[in-house]
C-alpha atoms as a PDB file:
ATOM      1  CA  MET A   1       0.072   0.007  -0.068  1.00  0.00           C
ATOM      2  CA  LYS A   2       1.197   3.643  -0.687  1.00  0.00           C
ATOM      3  CA  LEU A   3       1.166   5.720   1.966  1.00  0.00           C
ATOM      4  CA  ILE A   4      -0.234   9.122   2.056  1.00  0.00           C
ATOM      5  CA  PRO A   5       2.929  11.883   2.270  1.00  0.00           C
ATOM      6  CA  ALA A   6       1.092  13.142   5.322  1.00  0.00           C
ATOM      7  CA  LEU A   7       1.342   9.896   7.159  1.00  0.00           C
ATOM      8  CA  LYS A   8       4.669   9.130   6.196  1.00  0.00           C
ATOM      9  CA  CYS A   9       6.279  10.774   9.428  1.00  0.00           C
ATOM     10  CA  LEU A  10       4.059   8.321  11.729  1.00  0.00           C
ATOM     11  CA  PRO A  11       4.638   4.756  12.711  1.00  0.00           C
ATOM     12  CA  THR A  12       3.950   2.296   9.931  1.00  0.00           C
ATOM     13  CA  PRO A  13       1.138   0.512  11.274  1.00  0.00           C
ATOM     14  CA  VAL A  14      -0.484   3.493  12.632  1.00  0.00           C
ATOM     15  CA  ALA A  15       0.318   4.976   9.102  1.00  0.00           C
ATOM     16  CA  VAL A  16      -1.427   1.892   7.347  1.00  0.00           C
ATOM     17  CA  ALA A  17      -4.427   2.125   9.943  1.00  0.00           C
ATOM     18  CA  LEU A  18      -5.237   5.676   9.030  1.00  0.00           C
ATOM     19  CA  GLY A  19      -4.562   5.321   5.187  1.00  0.00           C
ATOM     20  CA  CYS A  20      -7.063   2.382   5.032  1.00  0.00           C
ATOM     21  CA  ALA A  21      -9.355   4.509   7.241  1.00  0.00           C
ATOM     22  CA  CYS A  22      -9.209   7.149   4.800  1.00  0.00           C
ATOM     23  CA  LEU A  23      -9.847   4.906   1.857  1.00  0.00           C
ATOM     24  CA  SER A  24     -12.549   3.590   3.404  1.00  0.00           C
ATOM     25  CA  PHE A  25     -14.077   7.049   3.858  1.00  0.00           C
ATOM     26  CA  SER A  26     -13.666   7.562   0.297  1.00  0.00           C
ATOM     27  CA  ALA A  27     -15.196   4.421  -0.569  1.00  0.00           C
ATOM     28  CA  LEU A  28     -18.333   5.474   1.779  1.00  0.00           C
ATOM     29  CA  ALA A  29     -18.215   8.793  -0.180  1.00  0.00           C
ATOM     30  CA  ALA A  30     -18.172   7.344  -3.596  1.00  0.00           C
ATOM     31  CA  ASP A  31     -21.511   4.827  -2.110  1.00  0.00           C
ATOM     32  CA  ASP A  32     -23.349   7.721  -0.682  1.00  0.00           C
ATOM     33  CA  ALA A  33     -22.975   9.848  -4.036  1.00  0.00           C
ATOM     34  CA  ARG A  34     -23.927   6.467  -5.864  1.00  0.00           C
ATOM     35  CA  ILE A  35     -27.028   5.846  -3.899  1.00  0.00           C
ATOM     36  CA  ALA A  36     -28.144   9.453  -3.912  1.00  0.00           C
ATOM     37  CA  GLU A  37     -27.881   9.557  -7.681  1.00  0.00           C
ATOM     38  CA  ALA A  38     -29.636   6.239  -8.146  1.00  0.00           C
ATOM     39  CA  ARG A  39     -32.106   7.447  -5.850  1.00  0.00           C
ATOM     40  CA  ALA A  40     -33.086  10.637  -7.949  1.00  0.00           C
ATOM     41  CA  ALA A  41     -33.176   8.416 -11.168  1.00  0.00           C
ATOM     42  CA  ALA A  42     -35.455   6.044  -9.686  1.00  0.00           C
ATOM     43  CA  SER A  43     -37.901   8.458  -7.823  1.00  0.00           C
ATOM     44  CA  SER A  44     -38.288  10.446 -10.863  1.00  0.00           C
ATOM     45  CA  LEU A  45     -40.375   7.898 -12.444  1.00  0.00           C
ATOM     46  CA  PRO A  46     -43.212   6.928  -9.963  1.00  0.00           C
ATOM     47  CA  PRO A  47     -44.572  10.636 -10.149  1.00  0.00           C
ATOM     48  CA  LYS A  48     -44.647  10.768 -13.709  1.00  0.00           C
ATOM     49  CA  LEU A  49     -46.567   7.645 -13.772  1.00  0.00           C
ATOM     50  CA  LEU A  50     -48.920   8.460 -11.143  1.00  0.00           C
ATOM     51  CA  ALA A  51     -50.004  11.542 -12.898  1.00  0.00           C
ATOM     52  CA  ALA A  52     -50.407  10.015 -16.036  1.00  0.00           C
ATOM     53  CA  LEU A  53     -52.428   7.260 -14.755  1.00  0.00           C
ATOM     54  CA  ASN A  54     -54.741  10.021 -12.650  1.00  0.00           C
ATOM     55  CA  GLU A  55     -55.018  11.742 -16.126  1.00  0.00           C
ATOM     56  CA  LYS A  56     -56.053   8.330 -18.062  1.00  0.00           C
ATOM     57  CA  ILE A  57     -58.400   7.445 -14.939  1.00  0.00           C
ATOM     58  CA  ALA A  58     -60.136  10.226 -15.088  1.00  0.00           C
ATOM     59  CA  ALA A  59     -60.671  10.155 -18.737  1.00  0.00           C
ATOM     60  CA  VAL A  60     -61.427   6.728 -19.560  1.00  0.00           C
ATOM     61  CA  GLY A  61     -61.843   4.684 -16.150  1.00  0.00           C
ATOM     62  CA  PRO A  62     -59.251   2.159 -14.873  1.00  0.00           C
ATOM     63  CA  GLU A  63     -59.622  -0.262 -17.306  1.00  0.00           C
ATOM     64  CA  GLY A  64     -58.489   2.321 -19.989  1.00  0.00           C
ATOM     65  CA  ALA A  65     -55.241   3.375 -17.818  1.00  0.00           C
ATOM     66  CA  ILE A  66     -53.843  -0.112 -17.952  1.00  0.00           C
ATOM     67  CA  PRO A  67     -51.917   0.603 -21.033  1.00  0.00           C
ATOM     68  CA  VAL A  68     -50.356   3.384 -19.032  1.00  0.00           C
ATOM     69  CA  CYS A  69     -48.530   0.434 -16.603  1.00  0.00           C
ATOM     70  CA  LYS A  70     -48.164  -1.600 -19.485  1.00  0.00           C
ATOM     71  CA  ASP A  71     -46.736   0.720 -22.495  1.00  0.00           C
ATOM     72  CA  MET A  72     -46.012   4.232 -20.986  1.00  0.00           C
ATOM     73  CA  ALA A  73     -43.913   3.327 -17.856  1.00  0.00           C
ATOM     74  CA  PRO A  74     -41.778   1.391 -20.062  1.00  0.00           C
ATOM     75  CA  ALA A  75     -41.338   4.520 -22.438  1.00  0.00           C
ATOM     76  CA  MET A  76     -40.781   6.707 -19.193  1.00  0.00           C
ATOM     77  CA  ALA A  77     -38.063   4.485 -18.125  1.00  0.00           C
ATOM     78  CA  LYS A  78     -36.163   4.727 -21.522  1.00  0.00           C
ATOM     79  CA  GLU A  79     -36.643   8.411 -21.052  1.00  0.00           C
ATOM     80  CA  VAL A  80     -34.878   8.391 -17.683  1.00  0.00           C
ATOM     81  CA  ALA A  81     -32.376   6.271 -18.883  1.00  0.00           C
ATOM     82  CA  ALA A  82     -31.010   8.543 -21.723  1.00  0.00           C
ATOM     83  CA  SER A  83     -31.052  11.425 -19.627  1.00  0.00           C
ATOM     84  CA  THR A  84     -29.220   9.911 -16.646  1.00  0.00           C
ATOM     85  CA  GLY A  85     -27.407   6.750 -17.729  1.00  0.00           C
ATOM     86  CA  TRP A  86     -29.720   4.772 -15.421  1.00  0.00           C
ATOM     87  CA  GLN A  87     -31.602   1.859 -16.630  1.00  0.00           C
ATOM     88  CA  LEU A  88     -34.963   1.561 -14.547  1.00  0.00           C
ATOM     89  CA  LYS A  89     -37.269  -1.447 -14.296  1.00  0.00           C
ATOM     90  CA  ARG A  90     -40.072  -1.967 -12.181  1.00  0.00           C
ATOM     91  CA  VAL A  91     -40.069  -5.632 -10.233  1.00  0.00           C
ATOM     92  CA  SER A  92     -42.298  -7.580  -7.975  1.00  0.00           C
ATOM     93  CA  LEU A  93     -42.604 -10.836  -6.346  1.00  0.00           C
ATOM     94  CA  LYS A  94     -45.995 -11.154  -7.885  1.00  0.00           C
ATOM     95  CA  PRO A  95     -45.524  -9.714 -11.123  1.00  0.00           C
ATOM     96  CA  ARG A  96     -48.469  -8.813 -13.627  1.00  0.00           C
ATOM     97  CA  ASN A  97     -46.164  -8.775 -16.509  1.00  0.00           C
ATOM     98  CA  ALA A  98     -43.854 -11.617 -16.368  1.00  0.00           C
ATOM     99  CA  GLN A  99     -41.472 -10.901 -18.883  1.00  0.00           C
ATOM    100  CA  ARG A 100     -40.817  -7.373 -17.506  1.00  0.00           C
ATOM    101  CA  ALA A 101     -41.597  -7.755 -13.741  1.00  0.00           C
ATOM    102  CA  THR A 102     -39.751 -11.040 -12.948  1.00  0.00           C
ATOM    103  CA  PRO A 103     -37.087 -10.041 -10.312  1.00  0.00           C
ATOM    104  CA  ASP A 104     -33.830 -11.786 -10.750  1.00  0.00           C
ATOM    105  CA  ALA A 105     -32.023 -13.113  -7.806  1.00  0.00           C
ATOM    106  CA  TRP A 106     -30.593  -9.701  -6.395  1.00  0.00           C
ATOM    107  CA  GLU A 107     -34.024  -8.028  -6.954  1.00  0.00           C
ATOM    108  CA  LYS A 108     -35.614 -11.052  -5.584  1.00  0.00           C
ATOM    109  CA  ALA A 109     -33.510 -10.917  -2.468  1.00  0.00           C
ATOM    110  CA  ALA A 110     -34.239  -6.892  -2.195  1.00  0.00           C
ATOM    111  CA  LEU A 111     -37.883  -7.656  -2.353  1.00  0.00           C
ATOM    112  CA  GLU A 112     -37.778 -10.433   0.391  1.00  0.00           C
ATOM    113  CA  GLU A 113     -35.626  -7.994   2.734  1.00  0.00           C
ATOM    114  CA  PHE A 114     -38.043  -5.082   1.907  1.00  0.00           C
ATOM    115  CA  ASP A 115     -41.099  -7.444   3.235  1.00  0.00           C
ATOM    116  CA  ARG A 116     -39.143  -8.400   6.251  1.00  0.00           C
ATOM    117  CA  ARG A 117     -38.434  -5.108   7.260  1.00  0.00           C
ATOM    118  CA  ALA A 118     -42.009  -3.659   6.863  1.00  0.00           C
ATOM    119  CA  ALA A 119     -43.261  -6.622   8.823  1.00  0.00           C
ATOM    120  CA  ALA A 120     -40.831  -5.462  11.384  1.00  0.00           C
ATOM    121  CA  GLY A 121     -42.499  -1.977  11.386  1.00  0.00           C
ATOM    122  CA  GLU A 122     -40.182   0.085   8.805  1.00  0.00           C
ATOM    123  CA  ASN A 123     -41.863   2.582   6.734  1.00  0.00           C
ATOM    124  CA  PRO A 124     -42.500   0.854   3.220  1.00  0.00           C
ATOM    125  CA  ALA A 125     -41.806   4.269   1.360  1.00  0.00           C
ATOM    126  CA  ALA A 126     -38.262   4.627   2.991  1.00  0.00           C
ATOM    127  CA  LEU A 127     -37.216   1.147   2.118  1.00  0.00           C
ATOM    128  CA  GLU A 128     -34.255   0.987  -0.334  1.00  0.00           C
ATOM    129  CA  LYS A 129     -31.030  -0.759  -1.008  1.00  0.00           C
ATOM    130  CA  GLY A 130     -27.905   0.137  -3.009  1.00  0.00           C
ATOM    131  CA  GLU A 131     -24.452  -1.877  -3.629  1.00  0.00           C
ATOM    132  CA  VAL A 132     -22.034  -2.831  -6.239  1.00  0.00           C
ATOM    133  CA  VAL A 133     -22.331  -6.059  -7.790  1.00  0.00           C
ATOM    134  CA  GLU A 134     -20.643  -7.858 -10.684  1.00  0.00           C
ATOM    135  CA  ALA A 135     -22.670  -8.599 -13.739  1.00  0.00           C
ATOM    136  CA  ALA A 136     -20.965 -10.284 -16.651  1.00  0.00           C
ATOM    137  CA  GLY A 137     -17.647  -9.591 -15.349  1.00  0.00           C
ATOM    138  CA  ARG A 138     -18.293  -5.784 -14.777  1.00  0.00           C
ATOM    139  CA  PRO A 139     -18.754  -4.051 -11.555  1.00  0.00           C
ATOM    140  CA  VAL A 140     -22.361  -2.585 -11.842  1.00  0.00           C
ATOM    141  CA  TYR A 141     -23.990  -0.267  -9.058  1.00  0.00           C
ATOM    142  CA  ARG A 142     -27.819  -1.807  -8.430  1.00  0.00           C
ATOM    143  CA  TYR A 143     -30.435   0.279  -6.369  1.00  0.00           C
ATOM    144  CA  ALA A 144     -33.827  -0.936  -5.368  1.00  0.00           C
ATOM    145  CA  LYS A 145     -36.458   1.278  -3.701  1.00  0.00           C
ATOM    146  CA  ALA A 146     -39.673  -0.604  -2.742  1.00  0.00           C
ATOM    147  CA  LEU A 147     -42.987   0.486  -4.207  1.00  0.00           C
ATOM    148  CA  PRO A 148     -45.683   0.477  -1.839  1.00  0.00           C
ATOM    149  CA  THR A 149     -49.483   0.157  -2.779  1.00  0.00           C
ATOM    150  CA  GLN A 150     -51.403   3.710  -2.891  1.00  0.00           C
ATOM    151  CA  ALA A 151     -54.974   3.982  -2.825  1.00  0.00           C
ATOM    152  CA  LEU A 152     -55.176   4.727  -6.908  1.00  0.00           C
ATOM    153  CA  CYS A 153     -53.418   1.330  -7.499  1.00  0.00           C
ATOM    154  CA  LEU A 154     -56.218  -0.843  -5.750  1.00  0.00           C
ATOM    155  CA  SER A 155     -58.511  -0.312  -8.642  1.00  0.00           C
ATOM    156  CA  CYS A 156     -56.193  -2.488 -10.792  1.00  0.00           C
ATOM    157  CA  HIS A 157     -54.143  -4.283  -8.145  1.00  0.00           C
ATOM    158  CA  GLY A 158     -56.832  -4.742  -5.044  1.00  0.00           C
ATOM    159  CA  PRO A 159     -58.118  -7.839  -4.334  1.00  0.00           C
ATOM    160  CA  ARG A 160     -59.376  -9.561  -7.461  1.00  0.00           C
ATOM    161  CA  ASP A 161     -63.202  -9.794  -6.444  1.00  0.00           C
ATOM    162  CA  GLN A 162     -63.402  -6.325  -5.980  1.00  0.00           C
ATOM    163  CA  LEU A 163     -62.051  -5.051  -8.734  1.00  0.00           C
ATOM    164  CA  LYS A 164     -64.554  -3.888 -11.684  1.00  0.00           C
ATOM    165  CA  PRO A 165     -65.411  -6.623 -14.075  1.00  0.00           C
ATOM    166  CA  GLU A 166     -64.264  -4.192 -17.056  1.00  0.00           C
ATOM    167  CA  VAL A 167     -61.064  -4.307 -15.429  1.00  0.00           C
ATOM    168  CA  ARG A 168     -60.696  -7.713 -14.651  1.00  0.00           C
ATOM    169  CA  ALA A 169     -61.475  -8.375 -18.530  1.00  0.00           C
ATOM    170  CA  VAL A 170     -58.751  -5.864 -19.666  1.00  0.00           C
ATOM    171  CA  ILE A 171     -56.419  -7.551 -17.181  1.00  0.00           C
ATOM    172  CA  ASP A 172     -57.321 -11.129 -18.398  1.00  0.00           C
ATOM    173  CA  GLU A 173     -57.185 -10.074 -21.908  1.00  0.00           C
ATOM    174  CA  HIS A 174     -53.226  -8.646 -22.016  1.00  0.00           C
ATOM    175  CA  TYR A 175     -52.076 -10.477 -18.728  1.00  0.00           C
ATOM    176  CA  PRO A 176     -53.744 -13.938 -18.608  1.00  0.00           C
ATOM    177  CA  ASP A 177     -50.914 -15.081 -15.933  1.00  0.00           C
ATOM    178  CA  ASP A 178     -51.434 -12.010 -13.721  1.00  0.00           C
ATOM    179  CA  ARG A 179     -50.295 -12.486 -10.245  1.00  0.00           C
ATOM    180  CA  ALA A 180     -50.565  -8.916  -9.181  1.00  0.00           C
ATOM    181  CA  THR A 181     -53.897  -8.714  -7.251  1.00  0.00           C
ATOM    182  CA  GLY A 182     -54.819  -8.987  -3.772  1.00  0.00           C
ATOM    183  CA  TYR A 183     -52.896  -5.870  -2.263  1.00  0.00           C
ATOM    184  CA  LYS A 184     -53.577  -3.402   0.503  1.00  0.00           C
ATOM    185  CA  GLU A 185     -52.885   0.255   0.436  1.00  0.00           C
ATOM    186  CA  GLY A 186     -49.463   0.349   2.004  1.00  0.00           C
ATOM    187  CA  GLU A 187     -48.175  -2.969   1.125  1.00  0.00           C
ATOM    188  CA  ILE A 188     -45.257  -3.490  -0.976  1.00  0.00           C
ATOM    189  CA  ARG A 189     -45.994  -3.918  -4.411  1.00  0.00           C
ATOM    190  CA  GLY A 190     -42.657  -4.248  -5.929  1.00  0.00           C
ATOM    191  CA  ALA A 191     -39.492  -2.330  -6.287  1.00  0.00           C
ATOM    192  CA  ILE A 192     -38.193   0.099  -8.871  1.00  0.00           C
ATOM    193  CA  VAL A 193     -34.717  -0.820  -9.492  1.00  0.00           C
ATOM    194  CA  ALA A 194     -31.942   1.509 -11.155  1.00  0.00           C
ATOM    195  CA  THR A 195     -28.574  -0.089 -12.347  1.00  0.00           C
ATOM    196  CA  LYS A 196     -25.756   1.544 -13.944  1.00  0.00           C
ATOM    197  CA  ARG A 197     -21.892   0.337 -14.792  1.00  0.00           C
ATOM    198  CA  LEU A 198     -19.207   1.563 -13.250  1.00  0.00           C
END
Protein backbone atom coordinates (compact mmCIF):
# COMPACT_ATOMS: atom_id res chain seq x y z
CA MET A 1 0.00 0.00 0.00
CA LYS A 2 1.31 3.49 -0.87
CA LEU A 3 1.22 5.80 2.08
CA ILE A 4 -0.27 9.26 1.83
CA PRO A 5 2.67 11.75 2.20
CA ALA A 6 1.19 13.31 5.36
CA LEU A 7 1.16 9.88 7.02
CA LYS A 8 4.85 9.04 6.34
CA CYS A 9 6.00 10.63 9.60
CA LEU A 10 3.86 8.24 11.66
CA PRO A 11 4.87 4.71 12.72
CA THR A 12 4.07 2.30 9.91
CA PRO A 13 1.17 0.39 11.59
CA VAL A 14 -0.53 3.68 12.53
CA ALA A 15 0.05 5.14 9.08
CA VAL A 16 -1.35 2.00 7.41
CA ALA A 17 -4.42 2.04 9.67
CA LEU A 18 -5.06 5.74 8.99
CA GLY A 19 -4.47 5.20 5.27
CA CYS A 20 -7.02 2.36 5.23
CA ALA A 21 -9.47 4.55 7.14
CA CYS A 22 -9.03 7.32 4.55
CA LEU A 23 -9.66 4.84 1.75
CA SER A 24 -12.75 3.56 3.59
CA PHE A 25 -14.11 7.09 3.99
CA SER A 26 -13.43 7.67 0.29
CA ALA A 27 -15.34 4.49 -0.60
CA LEU A 28 -18.22 5.51 1.68
CA ALA A 29 -18.37 8.93 0.02
CA ALA A 30 -18.49 7.26 -3.40
CA ASP A 31 -21.28 4.93 -2.21
CA ASP A 32 -23.23 7.89 -0.79
CA ALA A 33 -22.91 9.73 -4.11
CA ARG A 34 -23.98 6.63 -6.08
CA ILE A 35 -27.01 5.90 -3.91
CA ALA A 36 -28.10 9.56 -4.10
CA GLU A 37 -27.78 9.50 -7.89
CA ALA A 38 -29.62 6.18 -8.19
CA ARG A 39 -32.34 7.36 -5.78
CA ALA A 40 -32.88 10.52 -7.84
CA ALA A 41 -33.17 8.55 -11.10
CA ALA A 42 -35.49 5.90 -9.60
CA SER A 43 -37.63 8.48 -7.78
CA SER A 44 -38.22 10.46 -10.96
CA LEU A 45 -40.39 7.75 -12.54
CA PRO A 46 -43.25 7.12 -10.04
CA PRO A 47 -44.58 10.73 -9.96
CA LYS A 48 -44.71 10.85 -13.78
CA LEU A 49 -46.44 7.48 -13.88
CA LEU A 50 -48.99 8.47 -11.20
CA ALA A 51 -49.76 11.73 -13.02
CA ALA A 52 -50.36 9.85 -16.28
CA LEU A 53 -52.52 7.26 -14.48
CA ASN A 54 -54.63 9.92 -12.76
CA GLU A 55 -55.21 11.69 -16.05
CA LYS A 56 -56.15 8.51 -17.91
CA ILE A 57 -58.40 7.20 -15.10
CA ALA A 58 -60.24 10.53 -15.01
CA ALA A 59 -60.75 10.37 -18.78
CA VAL A 60 -61.61 6.70 -19.40
CA GLY A 61 -61.73 4.86 -16.07
CA PRO A 62 -59.26 2.36 -14.58
CA GLU A 63 -59.80 -0.21 -17.34
CA GLY A 64 -58.67 2.36 -19.92
CA ALA A 65 -55.62 3.28 -17.84
CA ILE A 66 -54.03 -0.17 -17.92
CA PRO A 67 -51.99 0.76 -21.04
CA VAL A 68 -50.29 3.50 -18.99
CA CYS A 69 -48.49 0.88 -16.89
CA LYS A 70 -48.17 -1.52 -19.82
CA ASP A 71 -46.82 0.85 -22.47
CA MET A 72 -46.10 4.30 -21.07
CA ALA A 73 -44.10 3.21 -18.00
CA PRO A 74 -41.39 1.42 -20.06
CA ALA A 75 -41.20 4.43 -22.40
CA MET A 76 -40.80 6.75 -19.40
CA ALA A 77 -38.06 4.49 -18.02
CA LYS A 78 -36.21 4.73 -21.35
CA GLU A 79 -36.39 8.53 -21.18
CA VAL A 80 -34.87 8.48 -17.69
CA ALA A 81 -32.11 6.13 -18.91
CA ALA A 82 -31.35 8.42 -21.86
CA SER A 83 -31.02 11.48 -19.63
CA THR A 84 -29.29 9.92 -16.60
CA GLY A 85 -27.53 6.73 -17.73
CA TRP A 86 -29.49 4.69 -15.15
CA GLN A 87 -31.45 1.71 -16.49
CA LEU A 88 -34.80 1.48 -14.69
CA LYS A 89 -37.25 -1.37 -14.32
CA ARG A 90 -40.11 -2.32 -12.04
CA VAL A 91 -40.11 -5.77 -10.44
CA SER A 92 -42.43 -7.67 -8.13
CA LEU A 93 -42.66 -10.98 -6.32
CA LYS A 94 -46.18 -11.15 -7.82
CA PRO A 95 -45.66 -9.75 -11.33
CA ARG A 96 -48.41 -8.78 -13.70
CA ASN A 97 -46.10 -8.93 -16.70
CA ALA A 98 -43.80 -11.89 -16.08
CA GLN A 99 -41.50 -10.97 -18.99
CA ARG A 100 -40.77 -7.47 -17.70
CA ALA A 101 -41.32 -7.63 -13.95
CA THR A 102 -39.98 -10.99 -12.75
CA PRO A 103 -37.08 -10.24 -10.40
CA ASP A 104 -33.62 -11.71 -10.84
CA ALA A 105 -31.83 -13.18 -7.79
CA TRP A 106 -30.54 -9.81 -6.50
CA GLU A 107 -33.93 -8.12 -6.97
CA LYS A 108 -35.78 -11.02 -5.34
CA ALA A 109 -33.49 -10.84 -2.31
CA ALA A 110 -34.06 -7.07 -2.07
CA LEU A 111 -37.86 -7.50 -2.27
CA GLU A 112 -37.82 -10.22 0.38
CA GLU A 113 -35.65 -8.01 2.61
CA PHE A 114 -38.10 -5.12 2.13
CA ASP A 115 -41.01 -7.38 3.15
CA ARG A 116 -39.15 -8.48 6.30
CA ARG A 117 -38.25 -4.90 7.23
CA ALA A 118 -41.80 -3.67 6.63
CA ALA A 119 -43.17 -6.53 8.77
CA ALA A 120 -40.76 -5.41 11.51
CA GLY A 121 -42.32 -1.94 11.43
CA GLU A 122 -40.17 0.06 9.01
CA ASN A 123 -41.94 2.53 6.72
CA PRO A 124 -42.29 0.81 3.30
CA ALA A 125 -41.90 4.14 1.48
CA ALA A 126 -38.41 4.57 2.98
CA LEU A 127 -37.05 1.11 2.15
CA GLU A 128 -34.12 1.05 -0.25
CA LYS A 129 -30.93 -0.86 -0.94
CA GLY A 130 -27.87 -0.03 -3.03
CA GLU A 131 -24.57 -1.80 -3.62
CA VAL A 132 -21.84 -2.55 -6.12
CA VAL A 133 -22.21 -6.02 -7.62
CA GLU A 134 -20.60 -7.88 -10.50
CA ALA A 135 -22.58 -8.49 -13.69
CA ALA A 136 -21.08 -10.18 -16.74
CA GLY A 137 -17.62 -9.74 -15.22
CA ARG A 138 -18.00 -5.98 -14.71
CA PRO A 139 -18.88 -3.91 -11.65
CA VAL A 140 -22.31 -2.30 -11.67
CA TYR A 141 -24.20 -0.31 -9.07
CA ARG A 142 -27.65 -1.68 -8.30
CA TYR A 143 -30.30 0.16 -6.37
CA ALA A 144 -33.81 -0.89 -5.38
CA LYS A 145 -36.55 1.26 -3.84
CA ALA A 146 -39.74 -0.30 -2.48
CA LEU A 147 -43.01 0.68 -4.16
CA PRO A 148 -45.84 0.67 -1.63
CA THR A 149 -49.37 0.22 -2.98
CA GLN A 150 -51.20 3.54 -3.14
CA ALA A 151 -54.97 4.01 -3.05
CA LEU A 152 -54.93 4.72 -6.78
CA CYS A 153 -53.31 1.32 -7.45
CA LEU A 154 -56.13 -0.64 -5.81
CA SER A 155 -58.50 -0.26 -8.75
CA CYS A 156 -56.23 -2.66 -10.69
CA HIS A 157 -54.14 -4.31 -7.94
CA GLY A 158 -56.60 -4.68 -5.06
CA PRO A 159 -58.40 -7.93 -4.19
CA ARG A 160 -59.49 -9.53 -7.48
CA ASP A 161 -63.09 -10.05 -6.37
CA GLN A 162 -63.34 -6.31 -5.67
CA LEU A 163 -62.09 -5.18 -9.09
CA LYS A 164 -64.64 -3.87 -11.58
CA PRO A 165 -65.60 -6.56 -14.12
CA GLU A 166 -64.31 -4.28 -16.92
CA VAL A 167 -60.93 -4.05 -15.21
CA ARG A 168 -60.73 -7.82 -14.72
CA ALA A 169 -61.60 -8.35 -18.39
CA VAL A 170 -58.81 -6.04 -19.62
CA ILE A 171 -56.28 -7.59 -17.22
CA ASP A 172 -57.28 -11.10 -18.34
CA GLU A 173 -56.94 -10.07 -22.00
CA HIS A 174 -53.46 -8.52 -21.67
CA TYR A 175 -52.08 -10.57 -18.74
CA PRO A 176 -53.56 -14.09 -18.67
CA ASP A 177 -50.97 -15.15 -16.05
CA ASP A 178 -51.49 -12.09 -13.83
CA ARG A 179 -50.44 -12.47 -10.19
CA ALA A 180 -50.52 -8.77 -9.22
CA THR A 181 -53.81 -8.53 -7.33
CA GLY A 182 -54.81 -8.89 -3.70
CA TYR A 183 -52.84 -5.92 -2.37
CA LYS A 184 -53.86 -3.53 0.39
CA GLU A 185 -52.94 0.14 0.57
CA GLY A 186 -49.41 0.57 1.95
CA GLU A 187 -48.36 -3.01 1.22
CA ILE A 188 -45.18 -3.36 -0.85
CA ARG A 189 -46.22 -4.19 -4.39
CA GLY A 190 -42.72 -4.30 -5.82
CA ALA A 191 -39.66 -2.17 -6.33
CA ILE A 192 -38.13 0.14 -8.87
CA VAL A 193 -34.58 -0.90 -9.70
CA ALA A 194 -31.86 1.37 -11.08
CA THR A 195 -28.67 -0.09 -12.55
CA LYS A 196 -25.56 1.58 -13.94
CA ARG A 197 -22.19 0.23 -15.05
CA LEU A 198 -19.20 1.66 -13.19
